[in-house]
Each structure stands twice: as structure tokens, then as C-alpha cells.
Amino acid sequence: MIYWLFISGSVVTDIAANVFLEKSQGFRRKRFGFLAIAFIMLAFGLLSFAVQGIPLFIAYAVWGALSISGTALATLVLFGHTLNWISCLGLGILILSIVTMQVVS
């Protein structure tokens, strides 16, 4: 159970890193750029703890799918980015694929 908490923390910090990366405007705003680097390092650190108890392919797939979906949602809310129906379909397929992997393994 604790390993899933590590993945959850890793997902949240990865989403934050991506938000900071967007706010850095291509590292022109260095403070946000450095925050992005720090948060992505923390995200991978937490992921490294998670893979001690969860198979790597499951942990990385779950982390990636949730991070991508969370980043899409965060940038939609915070920056007004848009998601068309194809993007939403792709995110849905991604999440469904991860759920399928989890059930089958």
C-alpha cells in the first residue's frame, strides 16, 4: 500500500513540475525553471521508492498515464489550454490501457 502512496506523490510532483515548466516560459523565468527541475527530480525519487514494491512496468505505466492526464487537466484549468475530442479520446484510451494492464497482471 505504501508503494502506491509513493506513486501518488510522484504523480503530484510531476504535474507540479510540468506546471512550473510552463510558467518558466522556456526557462526565461529561471525561478520556475529551477522549480521544475527540482520537482521532476523529486518525482523520480518517489517513483524509485515505488518500484521497490511494484513491478517497474506497472509503476511507470501508471505514473505516466496519471501524470499525462493530470498535466492535461492542470494546464486546461490554469492556462486555458484546450483539449479537443481526439485528445480526450486518447487520454481515455491511455487510462483504459493502464487499468487493463493492472487487472491482467
PDB file of N, CA and C in Angstrom:
ATOM      1  N   MET A   1       0.819  -1.204   0.000  1.00  0.00           N
ATOM      2  CA  MET A   1       0.000   0.000   0.000  1.00  0.00           C
ATOM      3  C   MET A   1       0.860   1.264   0.000  1.00  0.00           C
ATOM      4  N   ILE A   2       1.940   1.244   0.780  1.00  0.00           N
ATOM      5  CA  ILE A   2       2.804   2.420   0.867  1.00  0.00           C
ATOM      6  C   ILE A   2       3.404   2.760  -0.497  1.00  0.00           C
ATOM      7  N   TYR A   3       3.624   1.728  -1.319  1.00  0.00           N
ATOM      8  CA  TYR A   3       4.227   1.968  -2.627  1.00  0.00           C
ATOM      9  C   TYR A   3       3.300   2.772  -3.528  1.00  0.00           C
ATOM     10  N   TRP A   4       2.003   2.563  -3.383  1.00  0.00           N
ATOM     11  CA  TRP A   4       1.046   3.343  -4.167  1.00  0.00           C
ATOM     12  C   TRP A   4       1.010   4.793  -3.695  1.00  0.00           C
ATOM     13  N   LEU A   5       1.311   5.024  -2.431  1.00  0.00           N
ATOM     14  CA  LEU A   5       1.421   6.404  -1.944  1.00  0.00           C
ATOM     15  C   LEU A   5       2.632   7.090  -2.567  1.00  0.00           C
ATOM     16  N   PHE A   6       3.714   6.335  -2.741  1.00  0.00           N
ATOM     17  CA  PHE A   6       4.885   6.897  -3.413  1.00  0.00           C
ATOM     18  C   PHE A   6       4.550   7.265  -4.858  1.00  0.00           C
ATOM     19  N   ILE A   7       3.806   6.405  -5.539  1.00  0.00           N
ATOM     20  CA  ILE A   7       3.405   6.732  -6.914  1.00  0.00           C
ATOM     21  C   ILE A   7       2.512   7.966  -6.921  1.00  0.00           C
ATOM     22  N   SER A   8       1.573   8.034  -5.997  1.00  0.00           N
ATOM     23  CA  SER A   8       0.679   9.196  -5.927  1.00  0.00           C
ATOM     24  C   SER A   8       1.473  10.480  -5.713  1.00  0.00           C
ATOM     25  N   GLY A   9       2.412  10.444  -4.788  1.00  0.00           N
ATOM     26  CA  GLY A   9       3.250  11.617  -4.552  1.00  0.00           C
ATOM     27  C   GLY A   9       4.079  11.969  -5.766  1.00  0.00           C
ATOM     28  N   SER A  10       4.569  10.948  -6.450  1.00  0.00           N
ATOM     29  CA  SER A  10       5.359  11.167  -7.652  1.00  0.00           C
ATOM     30  C   SER A  10       4.526  11.804  -8.761  1.00  0.00           C
ATOM     31  N   VAL A  11       3.289  11.356  -8.902  1.00  0.00           N
ATOM     32  CA  VAL A  11       2.392  11.925  -9.917  1.00  0.00           C
ATOM     33  C   VAL A  11       2.130  13.397  -9.623  1.00  0.00           C
ATOM     34  N   VAL A  12       1.819  13.705  -8.374  1.00  0.00           N
ATOM     35  CA  VAL A  12       1.519  15.096  -8.000  1.00  0.00           C
ATOM     36  C   VAL A  12       2.736  15.989  -8.234  1.00  0.00           C
ATOM     37  N   THR A  13       3.924  15.516  -7.850  1.00  0.00           N
ATOM     38  CA  THR A  13       5.111  16.343  -8.051  1.00  0.00           C
ATOM     39  C   THR A  13       5.469  16.463  -9.531  1.00  0.00           C
ATOM     40  N   ASP A  14       5.195  15.434 -10.321  1.00  0.00           N
ATOM     41  CA  ASP A  14       5.439  15.527 -11.761  1.00  0.00           C
ATOM     42  C   ASP A  14       4.501  16.542 -12.411  1.00  0.00           C
ATOM     43  N   ILE A  15       3.249  16.529 -12.016  1.00  0.00           N
ATOM     44  CA  ILE A  15       2.299  17.512 -12.547  1.00  0.00           C
ATOM     45  C   ILE A  15       2.752  18.918 -12.167  1.00  0.00           C
ATOM     46  N   ALA A  16       3.164  19.092 -10.913  1.00  0.00           N
ATOM     47  CA  ALA A  16       3.661  20.401 -10.474  1.00  0.00           C
ATOM     48  C   ALA A  16       4.883  20.813 -11.293  1.00  0.00           C
ATOM     49  N   ALA A  17       5.786  19.865 -11.558  1.00  0.00           N
ATOM     50  CA  ALA A  17       6.970  20.164 -12.361  1.00  0.00           C
ATOM     51  C   ALA A  17       6.576  20.652 -13.747  1.00  0.00           C
ATOM     52  N   ASN A  18       5.584  20.021 -14.347  1.00  0.00           N
ATOM     53  CA  ASN A  18       5.136  20.434 -15.678  1.00  0.00           C
ATOM     54  C   ASN A  18       4.473  21.804 -15.650  1.00  0.00           C
ATOM     55  N   VAL A  19       3.739  22.094 -14.594  1.00  0.00           N
ATOM     56  CA  VAL A  19       3.134  23.426 -14.450  1.00  0.00           C
ATOM     57  C   VAL A  19       4.237  24.476 -14.306  1.00  0.00           C
ATOM     58  N   PHE A  20       5.237  24.190 -13.476  1.00  0.00           N
ATOM     59  CA  PHE A  20       6.352  25.126 -13.327  1.00  0.00           C
ATOM     60  C   PHE A  20       7.111  25.297 -14.637  1.00  0.00           C
ATOM     61  N   LEU A  21       7.248  24.219 -15.384  1.00  0.00           N
ATOM     62  CA  LEU A  21       7.923  24.304 -16.680  1.00  0.00           C
ATOM     63  C   LEU A  21       7.164  25.235 -17.621  1.00  0.00           C
ATOM     64  N   GLU A  22       5.845  25.130 -17.636  1.00  0.00           N
ATOM     65  CA  GLU A  22       5.024  26.028 -18.459  1.00  0.00           C
ATOM     66  C   GLU A  22       5.190  27.475 -17.994  1.00  0.00           C
ATOM     67  N   LYS A  23       5.182  27.668 -16.684  1.00  0.00           N
ATOM     68  CA  LYS A  23       5.310  29.020 -16.136  1.00  0.00           C
ATOM     69  C   LYS A  23       6.703  29.606 -16.370  1.00  0.00           C
ATOM     70  N   SER A  24       7.692  28.745 -16.611  1.00  0.00           N
ATOM     71  CA  SER A  24       9.053  29.242 -16.823  1.00  0.00           C
ATOM     72  C   SER A  24       9.223  29.910 -18.186  1.00  0.00           C
ATOM     73  N   GLN A  25       8.256  29.694 -19.074  1.00  0.00           N
ATOM     74  CA  GLN A  25       8.299  30.276 -20.424  1.00  0.00           C
ATOM     75  C   GLN A  25       9.626  29.958 -21.117  1.00  0.00           C
ATOM     76  N   GLY A  26       9.893  28.667 -21.208  1.00  0.00           N
ATOM     77  CA  GLY A  26      11.120  28.232 -21.872  1.00  0.00           C
ATOM     78  C   GLY A  26      12.370  28.591 -21.088  1.00  0.00           C
ATOM     79  N   PHE A  27      12.275  28.583 -19.779  1.00  0.00           N
ATOM     80  CA  PHE A  27      13.349  28.906 -18.844  1.00  0.00           C
ATOM     81  C   PHE A  27      13.755  30.377 -18.891  1.00  0.00           C
ATOM     82  N   ARG A  28      12.907  31.223 -19.461  1.00  0.00           N
ATOM     83  CA  ARG A  28      13.178  32.656 -19.381  1.00  0.00           C
ATOM     84  C   ARG A  28      12.920  33.161 -17.964  1.00  0.00           C
ATOM     85  N   ARG A  29      11.994  32.520 -17.268  1.00  0.00           N
ATOM     86  CA  ARG A  29      11.740  32.824 -15.859  1.00  0.00           C
ATOM     87  C   ARG A  29      12.422  31.713 -15.057  1.00  0.00           C
ATOM     88  N   LYS A  30      13.676  31.968 -14.736  1.00  0.00           N
ATOM     89  CA  LYS A  30      14.547  30.923 -14.190  1.00  0.00           C
ATOM     90  C   LYS A  30      14.039  30.321 -12.886  1.00  0.00           C
ATOM     91  N   ARG A  31      13.401  31.117 -12.049  1.00  0.00           N
ATOM     92  CA  ARG A  31      12.902  30.599 -10.772  1.00  0.00           C
ATOM     93  C   ARG A  31      11.969  29.420 -11.019  1.00  0.00           C
ATOM     94  N   PHE A  32      11.043  29.581 -11.966  1.00  0.00           N
ATOM     95  CA  PHE A  32      10.113  28.495 -12.269  1.00  0.00           C
ATOM     96  C   PHE A  32      10.825  27.333 -12.960  1.00  0.00           C
ATOM     97  N   GLY A  33      11.832  27.644 -13.750  1.00  0.00           N
ATOM     98  CA  GLY A  33      12.617  26.589 -14.389  1.00  0.00           C
ATOM     99  C   GLY A  33      13.339  25.723 -13.370  1.00  0.00           C
ATOM    100  N   PHE A  34      13.946  26.359 -12.387  1.00  0.00           N
ATOM    101  CA  PHE A  34      14.634  25.599 -11.344  1.00  0.00           C
ATOM    102  C   PHE A  34      13.647  24.810 -10.488  1.00  0.00           C
ATOM    103  N   LEU A  35      12.475  25.374 -10.235  1.00  0.00           N
ATOM    104  CA  LEU A  35      11.441  24.626  -9.515  1.00  0.00           C
ATOM    105  C   LEU A  35      11.020  23.390 -10.313  1.00  0.00           C
ATOM    106  N   ALA A  36      10.902  23.539 -11.631  1.00  0.00           N
ATOM    107  CA  ALA A  36      10.536  22.401 -12.481  1.00  0.00           C
ATOM    108  C   ALA A  36      11.577  21.290 -12.354  1.00  0.00           C
ATOM    109  N   ILE A  37      12.846  21.661 -12.396  1.00  0.00           N
ATOM    110  CA  ILE A  37      13.918  20.669 -12.278  1.00  0.00           C
ATOM    111  C   ILE A  37      13.870  19.985 -10.913  1.00  0.00           C
ATOM    112  N   ALA A  38      13.710  20.770  -9.855  1.00  0.00           N
ATOM    113  CA  ALA A  38      13.667  20.205  -8.501  1.00  0.00           C
ATOM    114  C   ALA A  38      12.488  19.252  -8.342  1.00  0.00           C
ATOM    115  N   PHE A  39      11.331  19.643  -8.865  1.00  0.00           N
ATOM    116  CA  PHE A  39      10.145  18.806  -8.703  1.00  0.00           C
ATOM    117  C   PHE A  39      10.226  17.533  -9.540  1.00  0.00           C
ATOM    118  N   ILE A  40      10.832  17.594 -10.720  1.00  0.00           N
ATOM    119  CA  ILE A  40      10.939  16.374 -11.515  1.00  0.00           C
ATOM    120  C   ILE A  40      11.938  15.414 -10.866  1.00  0.00           C
ATOM    121  N   MET A  41      12.977  15.960 -10.242  1.00  0.00           N
ATOM    122  CA  MET A  41      13.912  15.098  -9.514  1.00  0.00           C
ATOM    123  C   MET A  41      13.211  14.424  -8.336  1.00  0.00           C
ATOM    124  N   LEU A  42      12.382  15.182  -7.625  1.00  0.00           N
ATOM    125  CA  LEU A  42      11.618  14.612  -6.516  1.00  0.00           C
ATOM    126  C   LEU A  42      10.645  13.548  -7.025  1.00  0.00           C
ATOM    127  N   ALA A  43      10.006  13.820  -8.159  1.00  0.00           N
ATOM    128  CA  ALA A  43       9.055  12.853  -8.728  1.00  0.00           C
ATOM    129  C   ALA A  43       9.750  11.531  -9.037  1.00  0.00           C
ATOM    130  N   PHE A  44      10.924  11.591  -9.655  1.00  0.00           N
ATOM    131  CA  PHE A  44      11.641  10.354  -9.964  1.00  0.00           C
ATOM    132  C   PHE A  44      12.175   9.685  -8.704  1.00  0.00           C
ATOM    133  N   GLY A  45      12.540  10.477  -7.708  1.00  0.00           N
ATOM    134  CA  GLY A  45      12.956   9.897  -6.434  1.00  0.00           C
ATOM    135  C   GLY A  45      11.829   9.103  -5.793  1.00  0.00           C
ATOM    136  N   LEU A  46      10.634   9.677  -5.774  1.00  0.00           N
ATOM    137  CA  LEU A  46       9.480   8.973  -5.220  1.00  0.00           C
ATOM    138  C   LEU A  46       9.140   7.737  -6.049  1.00  0.00           C
ATOM    139  N   LEU A  47       9.258   7.861  -7.363  1.00  0.00           N
ATOM    140  CA  LEU A  47       8.997   6.707  -8.228  1.00  0.00           C
ATOM    141  C   LEU A  47       9.993   5.582  -7.944  1.00  0.00           C
ATOM    142  N   SER A  48      11.227   5.948  -7.636  1.00  0.00           N
ATOM    143  CA  SER A  48      12.230   4.916  -7.335  1.00  0.00           C
ATOM    144  C   SER A  48      11.871   4.135  -6.072  1.00  0.00           C
ATOM    145  N   PHE A  49      11.230   4.793  -5.106  1.00  0.00           N
ATOM    146  CA  PHE A  49      10.759   4.069  -3.920  1.00  0.00           C
ATOM    147  C   PHE A  49       9.589   3.155  -4.281  1.00  0.00           C
ATOM    148  N   ALA A  50       8.735   3.619  -5.173  1.00  0.00           N
ATOM    149  CA  ALA A  50       7.555   2.830  -5.554  1.00  0.00           C
ATOM    150  C   ALA A  50       7.945   1.520  -6.226  1.00  0.00           C
ATOM    151  N   VAL A  51       8.988   1.555  -7.055  1.00  0.00           N
ATOM    152  CA  VAL A  51       9.349   0.339  -7.794  1.00  0.00           C
ATOM    153  C   VAL A  51      10.016  -0.708  -6.909  1.00  0.00           C
ATOM    154  N   GLN A  52      10.240  -0.386  -5.661  1.00  0.00           N
ATOM    155  CA  GLN A  52      10.741  -1.396  -4.726  1.00  0.00           C
ATOM    156  C   GLN A  52       9.649  -2.398  -4.364  1.00  0.00           C
ATOM    157  N   GLY A  53       8.377  -2.004  -4.561  1.00  0.00           N
ATOM    158  CA  GLY A  53       7.287  -2.900  -4.214  1.00  0.00           C
ATOM    159  C   GLY A  53       6.273  -3.129  -5.315  1.00  0.00           C
ATOM    160  N   ILE A  54       6.441  -2.441  -6.434  1.00  0.00           N
ATOM    161  CA  ILE A  54       5.530  -2.576  -7.573  1.00  0.00           C
ATOM    162  C   ILE A  54       6.399  -2.843  -8.799  1.00  0.00           C
ATOM    163  N   PRO A  55       6.032  -3.807  -9.642  1.00  0.00           N
ATOM    164  CA  PRO A  55       6.825  -4.052 -10.851  1.00  0.00           C
ATOM    165  C   PRO A  55       7.005  -2.760 -11.664  1.00  0.00           C
ATOM    166  N   LEU A  56       8.202  -2.585 -12.185  1.00  0.00           N
ATOM    167  CA  LEU A  56       8.550  -1.358 -12.897  1.00  0.00           C
ATOM    168  C   LEU A  56       7.568  -1.038 -14.013  1.00  0.00           C
ATOM    169  N   PHE A  57       7.191  -2.026 -14.819  1.00  0.00           N
ATOM    170  CA  PHE A  57       6.321  -1.727 -15.959  1.00  0.00           C
ATOM    171  C   PHE A  57       4.958  -1.233 -15.505  1.00  0.00           C
ATOM    172  N   ILE A  58       4.468  -1.726 -14.386  1.00  0.00           N
ATOM    173  CA  ILE A  58       3.188  -1.249 -13.857  1.00  0.00           C
ATOM    174  C   ILE A  58       3.356   0.149 -13.268  1.00  0.00           C
ATOM    175  N   ALA A  59       4.370   0.322 -12.426  1.00  0.00           N
ATOM    176  CA  ALA A  59       4.588   1.612 -11.763  1.00  0.00           C
ATOM    177  C   ALA A  59       4.794   2.722 -12.785  1.00  0.00           C
ATOM    178  N   TYR A  60       5.637   2.468 -13.779  1.00  0.00           N
ATOM    179  CA  TYR A  60       5.940   3.507 -14.765  1.00  0.00           C
ATOM    180  C   TYR A  60       4.727   3.805 -15.643  1.00  0.00           C
ATOM    181  N   ALA A  61       3.982   2.783 -15.996  1.00  0.00           N
ATOM    182  CA  ALA A  61       2.791   2.992 -16.821  1.00  0.00           C
ATOM    183  C   ALA A  61       1.731   3.787 -16.066  1.00  0.00           C
ATOM    184  N   VAL A  62       1.492   3.429 -14.821  1.00  0.00           N
ATOM    185  CA  VAL A  62       0.509   4.159 -14.011  1.00  0.00           C
ATOM    186  C   VAL A  62       0.969   5.595 -13.809  1.00  0.00           C
ATOM    187  N   TRP A  63       2.236   5.761 -13.465  1.00  0.00           N
ATOM    188  CA  TRP A  63       2.793   7.093 -13.247  1.00  0.00           C
ATOM    189  C   TRP A  63       2.661   7.950 -14.514  1.00  0.00           C
ATOM    190  N   GLY A  64       3.033   7.378 -15.640  1.00  0.00           N
ATOM    191  CA  GLY A  64       2.969   8.126 -16.895  1.00  0.00           C
ATOM    192  C   GLY A  64       1.554   8.518 -17.269  1.00  0.00           C
ATOM    193  N   ALA A  65       0.633   7.575 -17.179  1.00  0.00           N
ATOM    194  CA  ALA A  65      -0.754   7.858 -17.559  1.00  0.00           C
ATOM    195  C   ALA A  65      -1.380   8.914 -16.659  1.00  0.00           C
ATOM    196  N   LEU A  66      -1.174   8.771 -15.355  1.00  0.00           N
ATOM    197  CA  LEU A  66      -1.763   9.746 -14.431  1.00  0.00           C
ATOM    198  C   LEU A  66      -1.089  11.108 -14.546  1.00  0.00           C
ATOM    199  N   SER A  67       0.216  11.108 -14.781  1.00  0.00           N
ATOM    200  CA  SER A  67       0.926  12.380 -14.944  1.00  0.00           C
ATOM    201  C   SER A  67       0.491  13.107 -16.211  1.00  0.00           C
ATOM    202  N   ILE A  68       0.349  12.370 -17.297  1.00  0.00           N
ATOM    203  CA  ILE A  68      -0.102  12.979 -18.553  1.00  0.00           C
ATOM    204  C   ILE A  68      -1.517  13.515 -18.407  1.00  0.00           C
ATOM    205  N   SER A  69      -2.398  12.708 -17.847  1.00  0.00           N
ATOM    206  CA  SER A  69      -3.790  13.135 -17.668  1.00  0.00           C
ATOM    207  C   SER A  69      -3.882  14.314 -16.713  1.00  0.00           C
ATOM    208  N   GLY A  70      -3.143  14.241 -15.615  1.00  0.00           N
ATOM    209  CA  GLY A  70      -3.157  15.332 -14.638  1.00  0.00           C
ATOM    210  C   GLY A  70      -2.584  16.618 -15.197  1.00  0.00           C
ATOM    211  N   THR A  71      -1.527  16.504 -15.987  1.00  0.00           N
ATOM    212  CA  THR A  71      -0.941  17.690 -16.608  1.00  0.00           C
ATOM    213  C   THR A  71      -1.910  18.306 -17.611  1.00  0.00           C
ATOM    214  N   ALA A  72      -2.589  17.464 -18.381  1.00  0.00           N
ATOM    215  CA  ALA A  72      -3.584  17.979 -19.333  1.00  0.00           C
ATOM    216  C   ALA A  72      -4.682  18.735 -18.596  1.00  0.00           C
ATOM    217  N   LEU A  73      -5.157  18.171 -17.507  1.00  0.00           N
ATOM    218  CA  LEU A  73      -6.206  18.821 -16.724  1.00  0.00           C
ATOM    219  C   LEU A  73      -5.697  20.102 -16.067  1.00  0.00           C
ATOM    220  N   ALA A  74      -4.493  20.051 -15.498  1.00  0.00           N
ATOM    221  CA  ALA A  74      -3.929  21.231 -14.835  1.00  0.00           C
ATOM    222  C   ALA A  74      -3.720  22.381 -15.813  1.00  0.00           C
ATOM    223  N   THR A  75      -3.194  22.079 -17.000  1.00  0.00           N
ATOM    224  CA  THR A  75      -2.966  23.156 -17.967  1.00  0.00           C
ATOM    225  C   THR A  75      -4.278  23.676 -18.548  1.00  0.00           C
ATOM    226  N   LEU A  76      -5.280  22.823 -18.595  1.00  0.00           N
ATOM    227  CA  LEU A  76      -6.614  23.259 -19.009  1.00  0.00           C
ATOM    228  C   LEU A  76      -7.157  24.278 -18.014  1.00  0.00           C
ATOM    229  N   VAL A  77      -7.052  23.962 -16.739  1.00  0.00           N
ATOM    230  CA  VAL A  77      -7.599  24.824 -15.688  1.00  0.00           C
ATOM    231  C   VAL A  77      -6.749  26.073 -15.481  1.00  0.00           C
ATOM    232  N   LEU A  78      -5.428  25.905 -15.411  1.00  0.00           N
ATOM    233  CA  LEU A  78      -4.555  27.018 -15.036  1.00  0.00           C
ATOM    234  C   LEU A  78      -4.181  27.937 -16.190  1.00  0.00           C
ATOM    235  N   PHE A  79      -4.046  27.375 -17.391  1.00  0.00           N
ATOM    236  CA  PHE A  79      -3.548  28.163 -18.511  1.00  0.00           C
ATOM    237  C   PHE A  79      -4.529  28.281 -19.667  1.00  0.00           C
ATOM    238  N   GLY A  80      -5.683  27.669 -19.534  1.00  0.00           N
ATOM    239  CA  GLY A  80      -6.680  27.753 -20.588  1.00  0.00           C
ATOM    240  C   GLY A  80      -6.356  26.939 -21.827  1.00  0.00           C
ATOM    241  N   HIS A  81      -5.450  25.964 -21.707  1.00  0.00           N
ATOM    242  CA  HIS A  81      -5.181  25.089 -22.851  1.00  0.00           C
ATOM    243  C   HIS A  81      -6.458  24.327 -23.190  1.00  0.00           C
ATOM    244  N   THR A  82      -6.582  23.935 -24.414  1.00  0.00           N
ATOM    245  CA  THR A  82      -7.802  23.242 -24.831  1.00  0.00           C
ATOM    246  C   THR A  82      -7.520  21.770 -25.125  1.00  0.00           C
ATOM    247  N   LEU A  83      -8.546  20.972 -24.931  1.00  0.00           N
ATOM    248  CA  LEU A  83      -8.496  19.559 -25.287  1.00  0.00           C
ATOM    249  C   LEU A  83      -9.641  19.300 -26.254  1.00  0.00           C
ATOM    250  N   ASN A  84      -9.322  18.879 -27.461  1.00  0.00           N
ATOM    251  CA  ASN A  84     -10.387  18.528 -28.395  1.00  0.00           C
ATOM    252  C   ASN A  84     -10.828  17.088 -28.128  1.00  0.00           C
ATOM    253  N   TRP A  85     -11.798  16.631 -28.865  1.00  0.00           N
ATOM    254  CA  TRP A  85     -12.351  15.309 -28.592  1.00  0.00           C
ATOM    255  C   TRP A  85     -11.340  14.201 -28.850  1.00  0.00           C
ATOM    256  N   ILE A  86     -10.440  14.419 -29.797  1.00  0.00           N
ATOM    257  CA  ILE A  86      -9.419  13.408 -30.076  1.00  0.00           C
ATOM    258  C   ILE A  86      -8.448  13.307 -28.897  1.00  0.00           C
ATOM    259  N   SER A  87      -8.085  14.445 -28.318  1.00  0.00           N
ATOM    260  CA  SER A  87      -7.218  14.434 -27.137  1.00  0.00           C
ATOM    261  C   SER A  87      -7.889  13.712 -25.978  1.00  0.00           C
ATOM    262  N   CYS A  88      -9.156  13.998 -25.767  1.00  0.00           N
ATOM    263  CA  CYS A  88      -9.909  13.333 -24.690  1.00  0.00           C
ATOM    264  C   CYS A  88     -10.008  11.831 -24.946  1.00  0.00           C
ATOM    265  N   LEU A  89     -10.246  11.456 -26.189  1.00  0.00           N
ATOM    266  CA  LEU A  89     -10.305  10.038 -26.547  1.00  0.00           C
ATOM    267  C   LEU A  89      -8.959   9.363 -26.276  1.00  0.00           C
ATOM    268  N   GLY A  90      -7.887  10.024 -26.667  1.00  0.00           N
ATOM    269  CA  GLY A  90      -6.553   9.480 -26.431  1.00  0.00           C
ATOM    270  C   GLY A  90      -6.255   9.295 -24.955  1.00  0.00           C
ATOM    271  N   LEU A  91      -6.623  10.274 -24.145  1.00  0.00           N
ATOM    272  CA  LEU A  91      -6.426  10.145 -22.700  1.00  0.00           C
ATOM    273  C   LEU A  91      -7.258   8.998 -22.136  1.00  0.00           C
ATOM    274  N   GLY A  92      -8.474   8.857 -22.627  1.00  0.00           N
ATOM    275  CA  GLY A  92      -9.330   7.761 -22.177  1.00  0.00           C
ATOM    276  C   GLY A  92      -8.745   6.403 -22.525  1.00  0.00           C
ATOM    277  N   ILE A  93      -8.231   6.276 -23.747  1.00  0.00           N
ATOM    278  CA  ILE A  93      -7.606   5.019 -24.172  1.00  0.00           C
ATOM    279  C   ILE A  93      -6.367   4.737 -23.326  1.00  0.00           C
ATOM    280  N   LEU A  94      -5.594   5.767 -23.058  1.00  0.00           N
ATOM    281  CA  LEU A  94      -4.398   5.616 -22.232  1.00  0.00           C
ATOM    282  C   LEU A  94      -4.757   5.081 -20.845  1.00  0.00           C
ATOM    283  N   ILE A  95      -5.731   5.684 -20.216  1.00  0.00           N
ATOM    284  CA  ILE A  95      -6.141   5.254 -18.876  1.00  0.00           C
ATOM    285  C   ILE A  95      -6.728   3.847 -18.914  1.00  0.00           C
ATOM    286  N   LEU A  96      -7.553   3.566 -19.909  1.00  0.00           N
ATOM    287  CA  LEU A  96      -8.129   2.224 -20.043  1.00  0.00           C
ATOM    288  C   LEU A  96      -7.038   1.172 -20.234  1.00  0.00           C
ATOM    289  N   SER A  97      -6.017   1.507 -20.988  1.00  0.00           N
ATOM    290  CA  SER A  97      -4.901   0.577 -21.198  1.00  0.00           C
ATOM    291  C   SER A  97      -4.179   0.274 -19.893  1.00  0.00           C
ATOM    292  N   ILE A  98      -3.972   1.290 -19.081  1.00  0.00           N
ATOM    293  CA  ILE A  98      -3.282   1.103 -17.807  1.00  0.00           C
ATOM    294  C   ILE A  98      -4.129   0.265 -16.858  1.00  0.00           C
ATOM    295  N   VAL A  99      -5.417   0.534 -16.825  1.00  0.00           N
ATOM    296  CA  VAL A  99      -6.317  -0.265 -15.982  1.00  0.00           C
ATOM    297  C   VAL A  99      -6.281  -1.722 -16.432  1.00  0.00           C
ATOM    298  N   THR A 100      -6.292  -1.945 -17.739  1.00  0.00           N
ATOM    299  CA  THR A 100      -6.233  -3.309 -18.275  1.00  0.00           C
ATOM    300  C   THR A 100      -4.935  -3.995 -17.857  1.00  0.00           C
ATOM    301  N   MET A 101      -3.817  -3.294 -17.955  1.00  0.00           N
ATOM    302  CA  MET A 101      -2.537  -3.865 -17.532  1.00  0.00           C
ATOM    303  C   MET A 101      -2.573  -4.247 -16.060  1.00  0.00           C
ATOM    304  N   GLN A 102      -3.162  -3.385 -15.254  1.00  0.00           N
ATOM    305  CA  GLN A 102      -3.221  -3.631 -13.812  1.00  0.00           C
ATOM    306  C   GLN A 102      -4.076  -4.863 -13.506  1.00  0.00           C
ATOM    307  N   VAL A 103      -5.201  -4.989 -14.189  1.00  0.00           N
ATOM    308  CA  VAL A 103      -6.105  -6.118 -13.948  1.00  0.00           C
ATOM    309  C   VAL A 103      -5.473  -7.426 -14.410  1.00  0.00           C
ATOM    310  N   VAL A 104      -4.825  -7.404 -15.557  1.00  0.00           N
ATOM    311  CA  VAL A 104      -4.259  -8.617 -16.137  1.00  0.00           C
ATOM    312  C   VAL A 104      -3.034  -9.095 -15.356  1.00  0.00           C
ATOM    313  N   SER A 105      -2.242  -8.176 -14.849  1.00  0.00           N
ATOM    314  CA  SER A 105      -1.000  -8.603 -14.175  1.00  0.00           C
ATOM    315  C   SER A 105      -1.291  -9.033 -12.810  1.00  0.00           C
TER     316      SER A 105
END
